[in-house]
Amino acid sequence: MSFIAQYKGQISETTRNTNLAFTRAVERLDIAQQQSDSDAKSLHLMQFKHRRVEPTISS
């Protein structure tokens, strides 16, 4: 039995409330993923700016 088949079996055994909570959690994860993608881009830019400003110590 494949992992996906087991997973689908587990989901179908859950109550409607649990299923609803699961769906909401997935939606929140999707939104969080989109936010973290844009956060990662702005963080990368901030780090890049910070790195340029910071004085480098050469030996």
PDB file of N, CA and C in Angstrom:
ATOM      1  N   MET A   1       0.856  -1.195   0.000  1.00  0.00           N
ATOM      2  CA  MET A   1       0.000   0.000   0.000  1.00  0.00           C
ATOM      3  C   MET A   1       0.894   1.248   0.000  1.00  0.00           C
ATOM      4  N   SER A   2       0.665   2.094  -0.963  1.00  0.00           N
ATOM      5  CA  SER A   2       1.512   3.278  -1.098  1.00  0.00           C
ATOM      6  C   SER A   2       1.221   4.292   0.005  1.00  0.00           C
ATOM      7  N   PHE A   3       2.164   5.164   0.204  1.00  0.00           N
ATOM      8  CA  PHE A   3       2.022   6.209   1.218  1.00  0.00           C
ATOM      9  C   PHE A   3       0.798   7.070   0.925  1.00  0.00           C
ATOM     10  N   ILE A   4       0.605   7.400  -0.350  1.00  0.00           N
ATOM     11  CA  ILE A   4      -0.527   8.258  -0.739  1.00  0.00           C
ATOM     12  C   ILE A   4      -1.846   7.553  -0.444  1.00  0.00           C
ATOM     13  N   ALA A   5      -1.907   6.260  -0.731  1.00  0.00           N
ATOM     14  CA  ALA A   5      -3.134   5.506  -0.456  1.00  0.00           C
ATOM     15  C   ALA A   5      -3.413   5.475   1.045  1.00  0.00           C
ATOM     16  N   GLN A   6      -2.386   5.274   1.841  1.00  0.00           N
ATOM     17  CA  GLN A   6      -2.540   5.285   3.297  1.00  0.00           C
ATOM     18  C   GLN A   6      -3.011   6.659   3.753  1.00  0.00           C
ATOM     19  N   TYR A   7      -2.428   7.681   3.188  1.00  0.00           N
ATOM     20  CA  TYR A   7      -2.744   9.058   3.548  1.00  0.00           C
ATOM     21  C   TYR A   7      -4.208   9.363   3.238  1.00  0.00           C
ATOM     22  N   LYS A   8      -4.646   8.979   2.043  1.00  0.00           N
ATOM     23  CA  LYS A   8      -6.038   9.207   1.654  1.00  0.00           C
ATOM     24  C   LYS A   8      -6.976   8.424   2.559  1.00  0.00           C
ATOM     25  N   GLY A   9      -6.564   7.215   2.927  1.00  0.00           N
ATOM     26  CA  GLY A   9      -7.369   6.405   3.835  1.00  0.00           C
ATOM     27  C   GLY A   9      -7.516   7.074   5.187  1.00  0.00           C
ATOM     28  N   GLN A  10      -6.432   7.612   5.689  1.00  0.00           N
ATOM     29  CA  GLN A  10      -6.465   8.295   6.980  1.00  0.00           C
ATOM     30  C   GLN A  10      -7.374   9.515   6.914  1.00  0.00           C
ATOM     31  N   ILE A  11      -7.280  10.265   5.843  1.00  0.00           N
ATOM     32  CA  ILE A  11      -8.105  11.462   5.693  1.00  0.00           C
ATOM     33  C   ILE A  11      -9.588  11.088   5.651  1.00  0.00           C
ATOM     34  N   SER A  12      -9.934  10.022   4.909  1.00  0.00           N
ATOM     35  CA  SER A  12     -11.341   9.649   4.780  1.00  0.00           C
ATOM     36  C   SER A  12     -11.905   9.127   6.095  1.00  0.00           C
ATOM     37  N   GLU A  13     -11.042   8.671   6.998  1.00  0.00           N
ATOM     38  CA  GLU A  13     -11.496   8.180   8.298  1.00  0.00           C
ATOM     39  C   GLU A  13     -11.711   9.316   9.292  1.00  0.00           C
ATOM     40  N   THR A  14     -11.194  10.482   9.005  1.00  0.00           N
ATOM     41  CA  THR A  14     -11.322  11.589   9.952  1.00  0.00           C
ATOM     42  C   THR A  14     -12.738  12.129   9.948  1.00  0.00           C
ATOM     43  N   THR A  15     -13.089  12.839  11.021  1.00  0.00           N
ATOM     44  CA  THR A  15     -14.407  13.456  11.092  1.00  0.00           C
ATOM     45  C   THR A  15     -14.447  14.684  10.198  1.00  0.00           C
ATOM     46  N   ARG A  16     -15.651  15.172   9.948  1.00  0.00           N
ATOM     47  CA  ARG A  16     -15.815  16.341   9.090  1.00  0.00           C
ATOM     48  C   ARG A  16     -15.112  17.546   9.710  1.00  0.00           C
ATOM     49  N   ASN A  17     -15.201  17.693  11.016  1.00  0.00           N
ATOM     50  CA  ASN A  17     -14.553  18.822  11.688  1.00  0.00           C
ATOM     51  C   ASN A  17     -13.047  18.781  11.530  1.00  0.00           C
ATOM     52  N   THR A  18     -12.476  17.602  11.664  1.00  0.00           N
ATOM     53  CA  THR A  18     -11.028  17.470  11.517  1.00  0.00           C
ATOM     54  C   THR A  18     -10.625  17.774  10.085  1.00  0.00           C
ATOM     55  N   ASN A  19     -11.448  17.296   9.152  1.00  0.00           N
ATOM     56  CA  ASN A  19     -11.186  17.562   7.741  1.00  0.00           C
ATOM     57  C   ASN A  19     -11.211  19.059   7.466  1.00  0.00           C
ATOM     58  N   LEU A  20     -12.175  19.734   8.065  1.00  0.00           N
ATOM     59  CA  LEU A  20     -12.306  21.177   7.878  1.00  0.00           C
ATOM     60  C   LEU A  20     -11.082  21.885   8.461  1.00  0.00           C
ATOM     61  N   ALA A  21     -10.672  21.452   9.646  1.00  0.00           N
ATOM     62  CA  ALA A  21      -9.496  22.047  10.279  1.00  0.00           C
ATOM     63  C   ALA A  21      -8.254  21.802   9.428  1.00  0.00           C
ATOM     64  N   PHE A  22      -8.166  20.603   8.865  1.00  0.00           N
ATOM     65  CA  PHE A  22      -7.030  20.255   8.012  1.00  0.00           C
ATOM     66  C   PHE A  22      -6.995  21.161   6.778  1.00  0.00           C
ATOM     67  N   THR A  23      -8.160  21.350   6.164  1.00  0.00           N
ATOM     68  CA  THR A  23      -8.251  22.206   4.977  1.00  0.00           C
ATOM     69  C   THR A  23      -7.834  23.634   5.313  1.00  0.00           C
ATOM     70  N   ARG A  24      -8.307  24.119   6.456  1.00  0.00           N
ATOM     71  CA  ARG A  24      -7.943  25.481   6.871  1.00  0.00           C
ATOM     72  C   ARG A  24      -6.453  25.593   7.132  1.00  0.00           C
ATOM     73  N   ALA A  25      -5.883  24.553   7.735  1.00  0.00           N
ATOM     74  CA  ALA A  25      -4.445  24.562   8.010  1.00  0.00           C
ATOM     75  C   ALA A  25      -3.653  24.604   6.710  1.00  0.00           C
ATOM     76  N   VAL A  26      -4.101  23.844   5.720  1.00  0.00           N
ATOM     77  CA  VAL A  26      -3.427  23.833   4.416  1.00  0.00           C
ATOM     78  C   VAL A  26      -3.508  25.212   3.770  1.00  0.00           C
ATOM     79  N   GLU A  27      -4.678  25.841   3.876  1.00  0.00           N
ATOM     80  CA  GLU A  27      -4.836  27.188   3.314  1.00  0.00           C
ATOM     81  C   GLU A  27      -3.895  28.165   4.012  1.00  0.00           C
ATOM     82  N   ARG A  28      -3.800  28.061   5.335  1.00  0.00           N
ATOM     83  CA  ARG A  28      -2.900  28.947   6.083  1.00  0.00           C
ATOM     84  C   ARG A  28      -1.454  28.699   5.693  1.00  0.00           C
ATOM     85  N   LEU A  29      -1.097  27.426   5.518  1.00  0.00           N
ATOM     86  CA  LEU A  29       0.266  27.095   5.099  1.00  0.00           C
ATOM     87  C   LEU A  29       0.562  27.689   3.733  1.00  0.00           C
ATOM     88  N   ASP A  30      -0.420  27.625   2.838  1.00  0.00           N
ATOM     89  CA  ASP A  30      -0.237  28.155   1.490  1.00  0.00           C
ATOM     90  C   ASP A  30      -0.015  29.659   1.546  1.00  0.00           C
ATOM     91  N   ILE A  31      -0.814  30.340   2.358  1.00  0.00           N
ATOM     92  CA  ILE A  31      -0.662  31.790   2.515  1.00  0.00           C
ATOM     93  C   ILE A  31       0.688  32.104   3.154  1.00  0.00           C
ATOM     94  N   ALA A  32       1.048  31.333   4.176  1.00  0.00           N
ATOM     95  CA  ALA A  32       2.326  31.550   4.855  1.00  0.00           C
ATOM     96  C   ALA A  32       3.494  31.334   3.900  1.00  0.00           C
ATOM     97  N   GLN A  33       3.352  30.348   3.022  1.00  0.00           N
ATOM     98  CA  GLN A  33       4.419  30.064   2.060  1.00  0.00           C
ATOM     99  C   GLN A  33       4.593  31.244   1.105  1.00  0.00           C
ATOM    100  N   GLN A  34       3.475  31.796   0.635  1.00  0.00           N
ATOM    101  CA  GLN A  34       3.538  32.951  -0.264  1.00  0.00           C
ATOM    102  C   GLN A  34       4.188  34.136   0.443  1.00  0.00           C
ATOM    103  N   GLN A  35       3.820  34.346   1.715  1.00  0.00           N
ATOM    104  CA  GLN A  35       4.393  35.452   2.477  1.00  0.00           C
ATOM    105  C   GLN A  35       5.882  35.242   2.698  1.00  0.00           C
ATOM    106  N   SER A  36       6.268  33.998   3.022  1.00  0.00           N
ATOM    107  CA  SER A  36       7.684  33.753   3.295  1.00  0.00           C
ATOM    108  C   SER A  36       8.518  33.881   2.027  1.00  0.00           C
ATOM    109  N   ASP A  37       7.910  33.591   0.873  1.00  0.00           N
ATOM    110  CA  ASP A  37       8.621  33.779  -0.391  1.00  0.00           C
ATOM    111  C   ASP A  37       8.970  35.253  -0.585  1.00  0.00           C
ATOM    112  N   SER A  38       7.990  36.128  -0.350  1.00  0.00           N
ATOM    113  CA  SER A  38       8.252  37.556  -0.527  1.00  0.00           C
ATOM    114  C   SER A  38       9.144  38.079   0.595  1.00  0.00           C
ATOM    115  N   ASP A  39       8.975  37.524   1.815  1.00  0.00           N
ATOM    116  CA  ASP A  39       9.846  37.910   2.926  1.00  0.00           C
ATOM    117  C   ASP A  39      11.290  37.533   2.629  1.00  0.00           C
ATOM    118  N   ALA A  40      11.475  36.365   2.039  1.00  0.00           N
ATOM    119  CA  ALA A  40      12.823  35.897   1.722  1.00  0.00           C
ATOM    120  C   ALA A  40      13.488  36.833   0.718  1.00  0.00           C
ATOM    121  N   LYS A  41      12.700  37.321  -0.237  1.00  0.00           N
ATOM    122  CA  LYS A  41      13.244  38.246  -1.233  1.00  0.00           C
ATOM    123  C   LYS A  41      13.666  39.556  -0.581  1.00  0.00           C
ATOM    124  N   SER A  42      12.800  40.105   0.284  1.00  0.00           N
ATOM    125  CA  SER A  42      13.145  41.373   0.928  1.00  0.00           C
ATOM    126  C   SER A  42      14.274  41.182   1.935  1.00  0.00           C
ATOM    127  N   LEU A  43      14.296  40.021   2.612  1.00  0.00           N
ATOM    128  CA  LEU A  43      15.380  39.745   3.553  1.00  0.00           C
ATOM    129  C   LEU A  43      16.707  39.652   2.812  1.00  0.00           C
ATOM    130  N   HIS A  44      16.680  39.017   1.655  1.00  0.00           N
ATOM    131  CA  HIS A  44      17.891  38.892   0.843  1.00  0.00           C
ATOM    132  C   HIS A  44      18.407  40.280   0.452  1.00  0.00           C
ATOM    133  N   LEU A  45      17.493  41.158   0.072  1.00  0.00           N
ATOM    134  CA  LEU A  45      17.889  42.519  -0.288  1.00  0.00           C
ATOM    135  C   LEU A  45      18.463  43.255   0.916  1.00  0.00           C
ATOM    136  N   MET A  46      17.830  43.085   2.087  1.00  0.00           N
ATOM    137  CA  MET A  46      18.313  43.733   3.304  1.00  0.00           C
ATOM    138  C   MET A  46      19.711  43.246   3.655  1.00  0.00           C
ATOM    139  N   GLN A  47      19.920  41.937   3.556  1.00  0.00           N
ATOM    140  CA  GLN A  47      21.233  41.373   3.869  1.00  0.00           C
ATOM    141  C   GLN A  47      22.280  41.894   2.892  1.00  0.00           C
ATOM    142  N   PHE A  48      21.877  42.012   1.636  1.00  0.00           N
ATOM    143  CA  PHE A  48      22.791  42.499   0.610  1.00  0.00           C
ATOM    144  C   PHE A  48      23.201  43.941   0.912  1.00  0.00           C
ATOM    145  N   LYS A  49      22.222  44.781   1.263  1.00  0.00           N
ATOM    146  CA  LYS A  49      22.514  46.173   1.601  1.00  0.00           C
ATOM    147  C   LYS A  49      23.395  46.247   2.839  1.00  0.00           C
ATOM    148  N   HIS A  50      23.048  45.433   3.827  1.00  0.00           N
ATOM    149  CA  HIS A  50      23.790  45.438   5.087  1.00  0.00           C
ATOM    150  C   HIS A  50      25.244  45.029   4.859  1.00  0.00           C
ATOM    151  N   ARG A  51      25.425  44.048   4.014  1.00  0.00           N
ATOM    152  CA  ARG A  51      26.767  43.535   3.746  1.00  0.00           C
ATOM    153  C   ARG A  51      27.619  44.614   3.076  1.00  0.00           C
ATOM    154  N   ARG A  52      27.002  45.412   2.217  1.00  0.00           N
ATOM    155  CA  ARG A  52      27.757  46.455   1.506  1.00  0.00           C
ATOM    156  C   ARG A  52      28.153  47.585   2.454  1.00  0.00           C
ATOM    157  N   VAL A  53      27.285  47.867   3.432  1.00  0.00           N
ATOM    158  CA  VAL A  53      27.542  48.960   4.365  1.00  0.00           C
ATOM    159  C   VAL A  53      28.612  48.571   5.383  1.00  0.00           C
ATOM    160  N   GLU A  54      28.556  47.307   5.797  1.00  0.00           N
ATOM    161  CA  GLU A  54      29.480  46.824   6.830  1.00  0.00           C
ATOM    162  C   GLU A  54      30.933  46.907   6.357  1.00  0.00           C
ATOM    163  N   PRO A  55      31.822  47.483   7.162  1.00  0.00           N
ATOM    164  CA  PRO A  55      33.230  47.546   6.758  1.00  0.00           C
ATOM    165  C   PRO A  55      33.870  46.158   6.789  1.00  0.00           C
ATOM    166  N   THR A  56      34.664  45.876   5.811  1.00  0.00           N
ATOM    167  CA  THR A  56      35.336  44.578   5.766  1.00  0.00           C
ATOM    168  C   THR A  56      36.735  44.715   6.347  1.00  0.00           C
ATOM    169  N   ILE A  57      37.097  43.739   7.153  1.00  0.00           N
ATOM    170  CA  ILE A  57      38.429  43.756   7.770  1.00  0.00           C
ATOM    171  C   ILE A  57      39.327  42.805   6.984  1.00  0.00           C
ATOM    172  N   SER A  58      40.336  43.368   6.343  1.00  0.00           N
ATOM    173  CA  SER A  58      41.259  42.519   5.584  1.00  0.00           C
ATOM    174  C   SER A  58      42.540  42.337   6.380  1.00  0.00           C
ATOM    175  N   SER A  59      43.051  41.133   6.362  1.00  0.00           N
ATOM    176  CA  SER A  59      44.275  40.859   7.128  1.00  0.00           C
ATOM    177  C   SER A  59      45.507  41.244   6.321  1.00  0.00           C
TER     178      SER A  59
END
